[in-house]
C-alpha atoms as a PDB file:
ATOM      1  CA  MET A   1      59.492  -1.208 -27.317  1.00  0.00           C
ATOM      2  CA  LYS A   2      59.915   2.037 -25.018  1.00  0.00           C
ATOM      3  CA  LEU A   3      57.016   3.360 -22.707  1.00  0.00           C
ATOM      4  CA  TYR A   4      57.194   6.871 -21.864  1.00  0.00           C
ATOM      5  CA  GLY A   5      55.153   8.809 -19.004  1.00  0.00           C
ATOM      6  CA  ILE A   6      55.050   9.370 -15.414  1.00  0.00           C
ATOM      7  CA  PRO A   7      54.878   6.821 -12.543  1.00  0.00           C
ATOM      8  CA  ASN A   8      51.898   8.248 -10.673  1.00  0.00           C
ATOM      9  CA  CYS A   9      49.672   8.788 -13.723  1.00  0.00           C
ATOM     10  CA  ASP A  10      46.749   6.292 -13.408  1.00  0.00           C
ATOM     11  CA  THR A  11      46.546   5.870 -17.395  1.00  0.00           C
ATOM     12  CA  VAL A  12      50.270   4.787 -17.380  1.00  0.00           C
ATOM     13  CA  LYS A  13      49.585   2.431 -14.276  1.00  0.00           C
ATOM     14  CA  LYS A  14      46.804   0.711 -16.316  1.00  0.00           C
ATOM     15  CA  ALA A  15      49.328   0.556 -19.777  1.00  0.00           C
ATOM     16  CA  ARG A  16      52.102  -1.111 -17.559  1.00  0.00           C
ATOM     17  CA  VAL A  17      49.944  -3.399 -15.866  1.00  0.00           C
ATOM     18  CA  TRP A  18      48.658  -4.510 -19.326  1.00  0.00           C
ATOM     19  CA  LEU A  19      52.191  -4.927 -20.979  1.00  0.00           C
ATOM     20  CA  THR A  20      53.113  -7.056 -18.098  1.00  0.00           C
ATOM     21  CA  GLU A  21      49.955  -9.215 -17.942  1.00  0.00           C
ATOM     22  CA  ASN A  22      50.379  -9.592 -21.382  1.00  0.00           C
ATOM     23  CA  ASN A  23      54.290 -10.787 -21.147  1.00  0.00           C
ATOM     24  CA  PHE A  24      55.636  -7.460 -23.300  1.00  0.00           C
ATOM     25  CA  ASP A  25      58.982  -6.277 -22.086  1.00  0.00           C
ATOM     26  CA  TYR A  26      59.576  -2.625 -22.391  1.00  0.00           C
ATOM     27  CA  GLU A  27      61.914  -0.021 -21.633  1.00  0.00           C
ATOM     28  CA  TRP A  28      60.423   2.490 -19.211  1.00  0.00           C
ATOM     29  CA  TYR A  29      61.258   6.451 -19.389  1.00  0.00           C
ATOM     30  CA  ASP A  30      60.193   8.572 -16.834  1.00  0.00           C
ATOM     31  CA  PHE A  31      59.975  11.963 -18.310  1.00  0.00           C
ATOM     32  CA  LYS A  32      59.649  13.856 -14.803  1.00  0.00           C
ATOM     33  CA  LYS A  33      62.964  12.394 -14.235  1.00  0.00           C
ATOM     34  CA  ASN A  34      64.788  12.431 -17.493  1.00  0.00           C
ATOM     35  CA  VAL A  35      64.818  15.385 -19.726  1.00  0.00           C
ATOM     36  CA  LEU A  36      63.173  14.992 -23.084  1.00  0.00           C
ATOM     37  CA  ASN A  37      64.813  15.626 -26.344  1.00  0.00           C
ATOM     38  CA  PRO A  38      63.187  17.880 -28.648  1.00  0.00           C
ATOM     39  CA  ALA A  39      64.046  15.427 -31.509  1.00  0.00           C
ATOM     40  CA  LEU A  40      62.058  13.033 -29.796  1.00  0.00           C
ATOM     41  CA  ILE A  41      59.207  15.043 -29.372  1.00  0.00           C
ATOM     42  CA  GLU A  42      59.547  16.362 -32.828  1.00  0.00           C
ATOM     43  CA  SER A  43      59.350  12.675 -34.142  1.00  0.00           C
ATOM     44  CA  TRP A  44      56.162  11.797 -32.097  1.00  0.00           C
ATOM     45  CA  ILE A  45      54.383  15.176 -33.586  1.00  0.00           C
ATOM     46  CA  ALA A  46      55.695  13.727 -37.297  1.00  0.00           C
ATOM     47  CA  ASN A  47      53.967  10.487 -36.461  1.00  0.00           C
ATOM     48  CA  CYS A  48      50.733  11.241 -34.506  1.00  0.00           C
ATOM     49  CA  GLY A  49      50.203  15.037 -34.866  1.00  0.00           C
ATOM     50  CA  TRP A  50      50.924  17.634 -31.920  1.00  0.00           C
ATOM     51  CA  GLU A  51      47.143  18.026 -31.258  1.00  0.00           C
ATOM     52  CA  VAL A  52      47.264  14.294 -30.281  1.00  0.00           C
ATOM     53  CA  LEU A  53      50.270  14.930 -27.846  1.00  0.00           C
ATOM     54  CA  VAL A  54      48.987  18.073 -25.644  1.00  0.00           C
ATOM     55  CA  ASN A  55      46.771  17.115 -23.049  1.00  0.00           C
ATOM     56  CA  ARG A  56      44.356  19.812 -22.718  1.00  0.00           C
ATOM     57  CA  GLN A  57      42.100  17.999 -20.067  1.00  0.00           C
ATOM     58  CA  GLY A  58      44.821  18.072 -17.166  1.00  0.00           C
ATOM     59  CA  THR A  59      45.795  19.710 -14.355  1.00  0.00           C
ATOM     60  CA  THR A  60      49.014  21.328 -15.909  1.00  0.00           C
ATOM     61  CA  TRP A  61      46.941  22.711 -18.993  1.00  0.00           C
ATOM     62  CA  ARG A  62      44.474  24.380 -16.548  1.00  0.00           C
ATOM     63  CA  LYS A  63      47.324  25.726 -14.615  1.00  0.00           C
ATOM     64  CA  LEU A  64      48.973  27.670 -17.401  1.00  0.00           C
ATOM     65  CA  ASP A  65      48.450  31.140 -17.813  1.00  0.00           C
ATOM     66  CA  GLU A  66      46.223  32.193 -21.095  1.00  0.00           C
ATOM     67  CA  ALA A  67      49.028  33.754 -23.091  1.00  0.00           C
ATOM     68  CA  SER A  68      50.850  30.269 -22.769  1.00  0.00           C
ATOM     69  CA  LYS A  69      47.668  28.548 -23.825  1.00  0.00           C
ATOM     70  CA  ALA A  70      47.319  31.158 -26.503  1.00  0.00           C
ATOM     71  CA  SER A  71      50.792  30.481 -27.733  1.00  0.00           C
ATOM     72  CA  LEU A  72      49.909  27.088 -28.920  1.00  0.00           C
ATOM     73  CA  VAL A  73      49.160  27.304 -32.408  1.00  0.00           C
ATOM     74  CA  ASP A  74      51.463  24.867 -34.409  1.00  0.00           C
ATOM     75  CA  ALA A  75      53.910  21.824 -34.103  1.00  0.00           C
ATOM     76  CA  ALA A  76      57.079  24.382 -33.003  1.00  0.00           C
ATOM     77  CA  SER A  77      54.764  26.084 -30.229  1.00  0.00           C
ATOM     78  CA  ALA A  78      53.649  22.559 -29.148  1.00  0.00           C
ATOM     79  CA  THR A  79      57.220  21.197 -28.940  1.00  0.00           C
ATOM     80  CA  ALA A  80      58.449  24.209 -26.766  1.00  0.00           C
ATOM     81  CA  LEU A  81      55.322  24.147 -24.495  1.00  0.00           C
ATOM     82  CA  MET A  82      55.892  20.361 -23.847  1.00  0.00           C
ATOM     83  CA  LEU A  83      59.541  20.783 -22.924  1.00  0.00           C
ATOM     84  CA  ALA A  84      58.881  23.415 -20.857  1.00  0.00           C
ATOM     85  CA  ASN A  85      55.960  21.392 -19.118  1.00  0.00           C
ATOM     86  CA  PRO A  86      56.682  17.524 -19.794  1.00  0.00           C
ATOM     87  CA  SER A  87      53.250  16.965 -17.742  1.00  0.00           C
ATOM     88  CA  LEU A  88      51.162  18.537 -20.770  1.00  0.00           C
ATOM     89  CA  ILE A  89      52.169  15.415 -22.776  1.00  0.00           C
ATOM     90  CA  LYS A  90      49.269  12.988 -23.059  1.00  0.00           C
ATOM     91  CA  ARG A  91      50.324   9.938 -21.583  1.00  0.00           C
ATOM     92  CA  PRO A  92      51.571   7.178 -21.921  1.00  0.00           C
ATOM     93  CA  VAL A  93      53.436   7.376 -25.136  1.00  0.00           C
ATOM     94  CA  LEU A  94      54.194   3.809 -26.435  1.00  0.00           C
ATOM     95  CA  ASP A  95      56.876   3.670 -29.166  1.00  0.00           C
ATOM     96  CA  TYR A  96      56.827   0.243 -30.928  1.00  0.00           C
ATOM     97  CA  LYS A  97      58.805  -0.230 -33.881  1.00  0.00           C
ATOM     98  CA  GLY A  98      58.454   3.387 -34.870  1.00  0.00           C
ATOM     99  CA  LYS A  99      54.722   3.382 -34.501  1.00  0.00           C
ATOM    100  CA  ILE A 100      53.454   5.760 -31.849  1.00  0.00           C
ATOM    101  CA  SER A 101      50.358   5.133 -29.594  1.00  0.00           C
ATOM    102  CA  VAL A 102      49.373   7.951 -27.233  1.00  0.00           C
ATOM    103  CA  GLY A 103      47.007   7.268 -24.380  1.00  0.00           C
ATOM    104  CA  PHE A 104      45.983   3.847 -23.427  1.00  0.00           C
ATOM    105  CA  LYS A 105      43.173   1.813 -24.418  1.00  0.00           C
ATOM    106  CA  PRO A 106      43.582  -2.147 -24.322  1.00  0.00           C
ATOM    107  CA  GLU A 107      42.049  -2.793 -27.577  1.00  0.00           C
ATOM    108  CA  THR A 108      44.664  -0.150 -29.265  1.00  0.00           C
ATOM    109  CA  TYR A 109      47.626  -1.802 -27.710  1.00  0.00           C
ATOM    110  CA  SER A 110      46.140  -5.295 -28.739  1.00  0.00           C
ATOM    111  CA  ALA A 111      45.706  -3.987 -32.398  1.00  0.00           C
ATOM    112  CA  LEU A 112      49.538  -2.706 -32.113  1.00  0.00           C
ATOM    113  CA  LEU A 113      51.292  -5.219 -30.416  1.00  0.00           C
ATOM    114  CA  LEU A 114      49.297  -8.757 -30.872  1.00  0.00           C
END
């Protein structure tokens, strides 16, 4: 199991606490410190759709110029935008046996892992 995110994100913190409290071992991937692979993002998109992965509620989205926002029209443009701005990825992303969960809700993690 691999958990992707950034350490200062409150939702990521909640997911990490939940995984620890429920005795799940996971590999942590901080995508602020480590470069994301385009193939990885493309696999997430294939699994759950680019619309789910792009966080349009966050500060990073609000700071984008209008041209960048308007360029987001498909999986390829979403991949390029997320690679250029990793904080645009809705967090956390949990990869469990090839199943992808985006965001954190205890009931979603319970259904996936328990």
